[in-house]
Amino acid sequence: MGSHRIERVRELLKREIGSVIRREFPVEEVGLVSVNDVEVSGDLRRAVVFVSILGSAEQQRKSVQRLQEQRWRIQDLVARSVVLKYIPVLRFVVDDSIARGNRVLQILEELERGQSPSPEGAE
C-alpha cells in the first residue's frame, strides 16, 4: 500500500516539477531541461530530481546550479498545485543514464560492423 502511494507521489512530482521548470525558467537560462525521474524518501520529506539537460557539460553544471539555487521557489510553485502534507525538499542531479545508454548502443553498433569501439568522447 505505501509503495503504491510513493509511486503515485513520484509521478505527480515528476510531472509538476517538469511543468514548473518549463513555465518559469526560459531555455536561455537553464537550457532544455527534462525531468527523467524523482526519487522520494519514505517519509516524503526529501526528493532527488533526476534531470537531463541538453548542452555541454559546463551548461549542465550551470543549469543544475541554477535549479538548486531556485529550489525553494520551485518547491513553492509545486506546493500550489500538489496537495500533500509535506512538499519534499528538492535536490537536483544530472541524470546521464540516457547518454550512457546511447554510448552503449554506439559501441554495440560498432562491434556489429566489425570496428573496434572508438574511445569515449572521440566523435
N, C-alpha and C. Protein backbone atom coordinates (compact mmCIF):
# COMPACT_ATOMS: atom_id res chain seq x y z
N MET A 1 0.83 -1.20 0.00
CA MET A 1 0.00 0.00 0.00
C MET A 1 0.87 1.26 0.00
N GLY A 2 1.87 1.33 0.90
CA GLY A 2 2.72 2.50 1.00
C GLY A 2 3.54 2.73 -0.26
N SER A 3 4.07 1.66 -0.85
CA SER A 3 4.90 1.82 -2.04
C SER A 3 4.07 2.31 -3.23
N HIS A 4 2.80 1.91 -3.27
CA HIS A 4 1.92 2.39 -4.34
C HIS A 4 1.71 3.90 -4.21
N ARG A 5 1.55 4.38 -2.99
CA ARG A 5 1.37 5.82 -2.75
C ARG A 5 2.65 6.58 -3.13
N ILE A 6 3.79 6.06 -2.74
CA ILE A 6 5.06 6.71 -3.07
C ILE A 6 5.23 6.78 -4.58
N GLU A 7 4.87 5.71 -5.28
CA GLU A 7 4.96 5.69 -6.74
C GLU A 7 4.08 6.78 -7.35
N ARG A 8 2.86 6.94 -6.83
CA ARG A 8 1.95 7.98 -7.33
C ARG A 8 2.52 9.37 -7.05
N VAL A 9 3.07 9.56 -5.86
CA VAL A 9 3.67 10.85 -5.49
C VAL A 9 4.86 11.14 -6.40
N ARG A 10 5.69 10.13 -6.67
CA ARG A 10 6.84 10.32 -7.57
C ARG A 10 6.39 10.81 -8.94
N GLU A 11 5.39 10.14 -9.50
CA GLU A 11 4.90 10.52 -10.83
C GLU A 11 4.29 11.92 -10.82
N LEU A 12 3.54 12.23 -9.78
CA LEU A 12 2.92 13.55 -9.66
C LEU A 12 3.99 14.63 -9.56
N LEU A 13 4.99 14.41 -8.71
CA LEU A 13 6.07 15.39 -8.56
C LEU A 13 6.86 15.54 -9.86
N LYS A 14 7.13 14.43 -10.51
CA LYS A 14 7.87 14.46 -11.78
C LYS A 14 7.16 15.35 -12.79
N ARG A 15 5.87 15.16 -12.93
CA ARG A 15 5.08 15.94 -13.88
C ARG A 15 5.03 17.42 -13.48
N GLU A 16 4.78 17.69 -12.21
CA GLU A 16 4.63 19.08 -11.77
C GLU A 16 5.96 19.84 -11.78
N ILE A 17 7.05 19.20 -11.36
CA ILE A 17 8.35 19.87 -11.37
C ILE A 17 8.74 20.19 -12.81
N GLY A 18 8.53 19.25 -13.71
CA GLY A 18 8.81 19.49 -15.13
C GLY A 18 8.00 20.65 -15.67
N SER A 19 6.74 20.71 -15.28
CA SER A 19 5.86 21.79 -15.72
C SER A 19 6.34 23.14 -15.19
N VAL A 20 6.71 23.18 -13.92
CA VAL A 20 7.20 24.43 -13.31
C VAL A 20 8.47 24.90 -14.01
N ILE A 21 9.40 23.98 -14.26
CA ILE A 21 10.67 24.35 -14.90
C ILE A 21 10.41 24.90 -16.30
N ARG A 22 9.55 24.22 -17.07
CA ARG A 22 9.25 24.70 -18.43
C ARG A 22 8.57 26.06 -18.40
N ARG A 23 7.69 26.27 -17.44
CA ARG A 23 6.90 27.51 -17.38
C ARG A 23 7.71 28.69 -16.81
N GLU A 24 8.54 28.43 -15.82
CA GLU A 24 9.18 29.51 -15.06
C GLU A 24 10.62 29.82 -15.46
N PHE A 25 11.28 28.90 -16.13
CA PHE A 25 12.69 29.10 -16.45
C PHE A 25 12.89 29.05 -17.96
N PRO A 26 13.27 30.18 -18.56
CA PRO A 26 13.50 30.19 -20.01
C PRO A 26 14.64 29.25 -20.40
N VAL A 27 14.55 28.70 -21.59
CA VAL A 27 15.58 27.79 -22.09
C VAL A 27 16.94 28.47 -22.06
N GLU A 28 16.97 29.77 -22.35
CA GLU A 28 18.24 30.51 -22.34
C GLU A 28 18.86 30.50 -20.95
N GLU A 29 18.03 30.39 -19.92
CA GLU A 29 18.52 30.47 -18.54
C GLU A 29 19.03 29.11 -18.03
N VAL A 30 18.30 28.03 -18.28
CA VAL A 30 18.69 26.73 -17.73
C VAL A 30 18.88 25.66 -18.80
N GLY A 31 18.73 26.02 -20.06
CA GLY A 31 18.85 25.02 -21.12
C GLY A 31 17.55 24.24 -21.27
N LEU A 32 17.61 23.23 -22.08
CA LEU A 32 16.44 22.38 -22.30
C LEU A 32 16.48 21.28 -21.25
N VAL A 33 15.64 21.42 -20.22
CA VAL A 33 15.65 20.52 -19.06
C VAL A 33 14.49 19.54 -19.16
N SER A 34 14.80 18.28 -18.94
CA SER A 34 13.78 17.24 -18.90
C SER A 34 13.89 16.51 -17.56
N VAL A 35 12.78 16.38 -16.86
CA VAL A 35 12.77 15.65 -15.59
C VAL A 35 12.57 14.17 -15.92
N ASN A 36 13.61 13.36 -15.68
CA ASN A 36 13.56 11.94 -16.01
C ASN A 36 12.92 11.11 -14.91
N ASP A 37 13.20 11.46 -13.66
CA ASP A 37 12.68 10.68 -12.55
C ASP A 37 12.77 11.50 -11.28
N VAL A 38 11.99 11.08 -10.30
CA VAL A 38 12.05 11.69 -8.97
C VAL A 38 12.10 10.55 -7.98
N GLU A 39 13.10 10.56 -7.11
CA GLU A 39 13.25 9.55 -6.07
C GLU A 39 12.84 10.20 -4.76
N VAL A 40 11.81 9.65 -4.12
CA VAL A 40 11.25 10.25 -2.91
C VAL A 40 11.60 9.39 -1.71
N SER A 41 11.97 10.04 -0.59
CA SER A 41 12.24 9.30 0.63
C SER A 41 10.94 8.70 1.17
N GLY A 42 11.07 7.70 2.01
CA GLY A 42 9.90 7.01 2.56
C GLY A 42 8.94 7.91 3.31
N ASP A 43 9.49 8.95 3.97
CA ASP A 43 8.63 9.87 4.72
C ASP A 43 8.16 11.05 3.86
N LEU A 44 8.50 11.04 2.58
CA LEU A 44 8.10 12.06 1.59
C LEU A 44 8.63 13.46 1.92
N ARG A 45 9.69 13.55 2.71
CA ARG A 45 10.22 14.87 3.07
C ARG A 45 11.40 15.30 2.20
N ARG A 46 11.98 14.36 1.45
CA ARG A 46 13.11 14.67 0.57
C ARG A 46 12.88 14.01 -0.77
N ALA A 47 13.37 14.69 -1.81
CA ALA A 47 13.25 14.12 -3.15
C ALA A 47 14.48 14.50 -3.97
N VAL A 48 15.00 13.52 -4.69
CA VAL A 48 16.09 13.76 -5.63
C VAL A 48 15.45 13.80 -7.01
N VAL A 49 15.67 14.90 -7.72
CA VAL A 49 15.09 15.09 -9.05
C VAL A 49 16.19 14.86 -10.07
N PHE A 50 16.02 13.80 -10.89
CA PHE A 50 17.00 13.47 -11.92
C PHE A 50 16.60 14.17 -13.20
N VAL A 51 17.49 15.04 -13.69
CA VAL A 51 17.19 15.81 -14.89
C VAL A 51 18.21 15.55 -15.98
N SER A 52 17.75 15.64 -17.22
CA SER A 52 18.63 15.65 -18.39
C SER A 52 18.64 17.07 -18.90
N ILE A 53 19.81 17.54 -19.26
CA ILE A 53 19.93 18.90 -19.76
C ILE A 53 20.67 18.84 -21.07
N LEU A 54 20.03 19.35 -22.12
CA LEU A 54 20.65 19.38 -23.43
C LEU A 54 21.70 20.47 -23.43
N GLY A 55 22.93 20.10 -23.71
CA GLY A 55 24.00 21.08 -23.76
C GLY A 55 25.32 20.46 -23.32
N SER A 56 26.34 21.29 -23.26
CA SER A 56 27.68 20.83 -22.88
C SER A 56 27.71 20.53 -21.37
N ALA A 57 28.79 19.91 -20.92
CA ALA A 57 28.95 19.59 -19.50
C ALA A 57 28.92 20.87 -18.67
N GLU A 58 29.51 21.93 -19.19
CA GLU A 58 29.53 23.22 -18.47
C GLU A 58 28.11 23.79 -18.36
N GLN A 59 27.35 23.73 -19.46
CA GLN A 59 25.96 24.21 -19.43
C GLN A 59 25.13 23.38 -18.45
N GLN A 60 25.37 22.07 -18.42
CA GLN A 60 24.65 21.20 -17.49
C GLN A 60 24.96 21.58 -16.06
N ARG A 61 26.25 21.80 -15.77
CA ARG A 61 26.67 22.17 -14.42
C ARG A 61 26.01 23.48 -13.98
N LYS A 62 26.03 24.46 -14.87
CA LYS A 62 25.43 25.76 -14.55
C LYS A 62 23.92 25.64 -14.36
N SER A 63 23.29 24.82 -15.18
CA SER A 63 21.84 24.66 -15.09
C SER A 63 21.43 24.00 -13.78
N VAL A 64 22.15 22.95 -13.40
CA VAL A 64 21.84 22.28 -12.13
C VAL A 64 22.07 23.24 -10.97
N GLN A 65 23.13 24.02 -11.05
CA GLN A 65 23.42 25.01 -10.01
C GLN A 65 22.27 26.02 -9.92
N ARG A 66 21.79 26.47 -11.05
CA ARG A 66 20.67 27.44 -11.09
C ARG A 66 19.40 26.82 -10.51
N LEU A 67 19.12 25.57 -10.87
CA LEU A 67 17.93 24.89 -10.33
C LEU A 67 18.06 24.72 -8.81
N GLN A 68 19.27 24.36 -8.34
CA GLN A 68 19.48 24.23 -6.89
C GLN A 68 19.24 25.56 -6.18
N GLU A 69 19.76 26.64 -6.78
CA GLU A 69 19.58 27.97 -6.18
C GLU A 69 18.10 28.34 -6.11
N GLN A 70 17.33 27.91 -7.07
CA GLN A 70 15.91 28.27 -7.15
C GLN A 70 14.98 27.18 -6.61
N ARG A 71 15.54 26.20 -5.90
CA ARG A 71 14.71 25.06 -5.48
C ARG A 71 13.58 25.46 -4.55
N TRP A 72 13.78 26.47 -3.69
CA TRP A 72 12.70 26.89 -2.79
C TRP A 72 11.55 27.48 -3.58
N ARG A 73 11.87 28.24 -4.61
CA ARG A 73 10.83 28.79 -5.48
C ARG A 73 10.09 27.67 -6.21
N ILE A 74 10.86 26.70 -6.72
CA ILE A 74 10.24 25.57 -7.42
C ILE A 74 9.35 24.80 -6.46
N GLN A 75 9.84 24.53 -5.24
CA GLN A 75 9.03 23.83 -4.24
C GLN A 75 7.74 24.58 -3.94
N ASP A 76 7.84 25.90 -3.81
CA ASP A 76 6.66 26.71 -3.53
C ASP A 76 5.64 26.62 -4.65
N LEU A 77 6.10 26.70 -5.89
CA LEU A 77 5.19 26.62 -7.04
C LEU A 77 4.57 25.22 -7.15
N VAL A 78 5.35 24.19 -6.86
CA VAL A 78 4.81 22.82 -6.88
C VAL A 78 3.77 22.67 -5.78
N ALA A 79 4.05 23.24 -4.61
CA ALA A 79 3.12 23.13 -3.47
C ALA A 79 1.76 23.75 -3.78
N ARG A 80 1.74 24.74 -4.64
CA ARG A 80 0.47 25.39 -5.00
C ARG A 80 -0.42 24.49 -5.84
N SER A 81 0.18 23.53 -6.56
CA SER A 81 -0.63 22.68 -7.44
C SER A 81 -0.72 21.23 -6.97
N VAL A 82 0.08 20.86 -5.99
CA VAL A 82 0.07 19.48 -5.48
C VAL A 82 -0.34 19.53 -4.01
N VAL A 83 -1.34 18.75 -3.67
CA VAL A 83 -1.81 18.73 -2.29
C VAL A 83 -1.18 17.54 -1.57
N LEU A 84 -0.17 17.84 -0.76
CA LEU A 84 0.50 16.84 0.07
C LEU A 84 0.70 17.44 1.46
N LYS A 85 0.79 16.58 2.46
CA LYS A 85 1.04 17.07 3.81
C LYS A 85 2.37 17.82 3.86
N TYR A 86 3.39 17.24 3.22
CA TYR A 86 4.70 17.88 3.13
C TYR A 86 5.12 17.92 1.68
N ILE A 87 5.65 19.05 1.26
CA ILE A 87 6.29 19.10 -0.06
C ILE A 87 7.76 18.80 0.20
N PRO A 88 8.29 17.78 -0.45
CA PRO A 88 9.68 17.39 -0.16
C PRO A 88 10.69 18.46 -0.54
N VAL A 89 11.79 18.47 0.20
CA VAL A 89 12.93 19.33 -0.12
C VAL A 89 13.58 18.71 -1.36
N LEU A 90 13.74 19.51 -2.39
CA LEU A 90 14.25 19.01 -3.67
C LEU A 90 15.76 19.13 -3.78
N ARG A 91 16.35 18.15 -4.43
CA ARG A 91 17.77 18.21 -4.79
C ARG A 91 17.86 17.77 -6.25
N PHE A 92 18.52 18.57 -7.06
CA PHE A 92 18.61 18.30 -8.49
C PHE A 92 19.94 17.63 -8.83
N VAL A 93 19.87 16.58 -9.66
CA VAL A 93 21.05 15.82 -10.07
C VAL A 93 20.95 15.57 -11.56
N VAL A 94 22.08 15.72 -12.28
CA VAL A 94 22.08 15.42 -13.71
C VAL A 94 22.03 13.91 -13.88
N ASP A 95 21.08 13.45 -14.66
CA ASP A 95 20.92 12.03 -14.96
C ASP A 95 21.57 11.77 -16.30
N ASP A 96 22.71 11.10 -16.26
CA ASP A 96 23.43 10.83 -17.51
C ASP A 96 23.13 9.44 -18.05
N SER A 97 22.09 8.79 -17.56
CA SER A 97 21.79 7.42 -17.99
C SER A 97 21.43 7.37 -19.48
N ILE A 98 20.80 8.39 -20.00
CA ILE A 98 20.45 8.39 -21.43
C ILE A 98 21.73 8.48 -22.27
N ALA A 99 22.64 9.36 -21.88
CA ALA A 99 23.90 9.49 -22.61
C ALA A 99 24.71 8.19 -22.52
N ARG A 100 24.72 7.58 -21.33
CA ARG A 100 25.44 6.31 -21.17
C ARG A 100 24.79 5.22 -22.02
N GLY A 101 23.47 5.20 -22.05
CA GLY A 101 22.75 4.22 -22.87
C GLY A 101 23.05 4.39 -24.34
N ASN A 102 23.08 5.64 -24.79
CA ASN A 102 23.42 5.92 -26.19
C ASN A 102 24.84 5.47 -26.51
N ARG A 103 25.75 5.66 -25.57
CA ARG A 103 27.15 5.25 -25.77
C ARG A 103 27.23 3.73 -25.90
N VAL A 104 26.49 3.00 -25.05
CA VAL A 104 26.48 1.53 -25.14
C VAL A 104 25.94 1.09 -26.49
N LEU A 105 24.87 1.72 -26.95
CA LEU A 105 24.30 1.38 -28.26
C LEU A 105 25.30 1.65 -29.38
N GLN A 106 26.03 2.77 -29.27
CA GLN A 106 27.03 3.10 -30.27
C GLN A 106 28.14 2.04 -30.30
N ILE A 107 28.59 1.60 -29.13
CA ILE A 107 29.63 0.58 -29.06
C ILE A 107 29.14 -0.73 -29.67
N LEU A 108 27.90 -1.11 -29.34
CA LEU A 108 27.34 -2.35 -29.90
C LEU A 108 27.24 -2.26 -31.43
N GLU A 109 26.84 -1.09 -31.91
CA GLU A 109 26.74 -0.89 -33.36
C GLU A 109 28.11 -1.03 -34.02
N GLU A 110 29.13 -0.44 -33.41
CA GLU A 110 30.49 -0.51 -33.95
C GLU A 110 30.99 -1.95 -33.93
N LEU A 111 30.68 -2.68 -32.87
CA LEU A 111 31.10 -4.08 -32.79
C LEU A 111 30.42 -4.92 -33.87
N GLU A 112 29.16 -4.64 -34.13
CA GLU A 112 28.42 -5.35 -35.17
C GLU A 112 29.04 -5.11 -36.55
N ARG A 113 29.53 -3.90 -36.77
CA ARG A 113 30.14 -3.57 -38.06
C ARG A 113 31.58 -4.06 -38.15
N GLY A 114 32.08 -4.64 -37.05
CA GLY A 114 33.43 -5.18 -37.05
C GLY A 114 34.50 -4.15 -36.77
N GLN A 115 34.09 -2.99 -36.26
CA GLN A 115 35.06 -1.95 -35.91
C GLN A 115 35.36 -2.06 -34.43
N SER A 116 36.53 -1.60 -34.05
CA SER A 116 36.79 -1.52 -32.61
C SER A 116 36.14 -0.23 -32.12
N PRO A 117 35.53 -0.27 -30.93
CA PRO A 117 34.84 0.91 -30.41
C PRO A 117 35.80 2.10 -30.28
N SER A 118 35.28 3.27 -30.67
CA SER A 118 36.09 4.47 -30.55
C SER A 118 36.12 4.90 -29.09
N PRO A 119 37.22 5.51 -28.65
CA PRO A 119 37.28 5.97 -27.26
C PRO A 119 36.18 6.98 -26.98
N GLU A 120 35.73 7.00 -25.73
CA GLU A 120 34.63 7.91 -25.36
C GLU A 120 35.03 9.35 -25.63
N GLY A 121 34.09 10.08 -26.20
CA GLY A 121 34.32 11.50 -26.47
C GLY A 121 35.04 11.75 -27.79
N ALA A 122 35.48 10.73 -28.50
CA ALA A 122 36.18 10.93 -29.76
C ALA A 122 35.20 10.85 -30.90
N GLU A 123 34.31 11.82 -30.96
CA GLU A 123 33.29 11.80 -32.02
C GLU A 123 33.39 13.00 -32.89
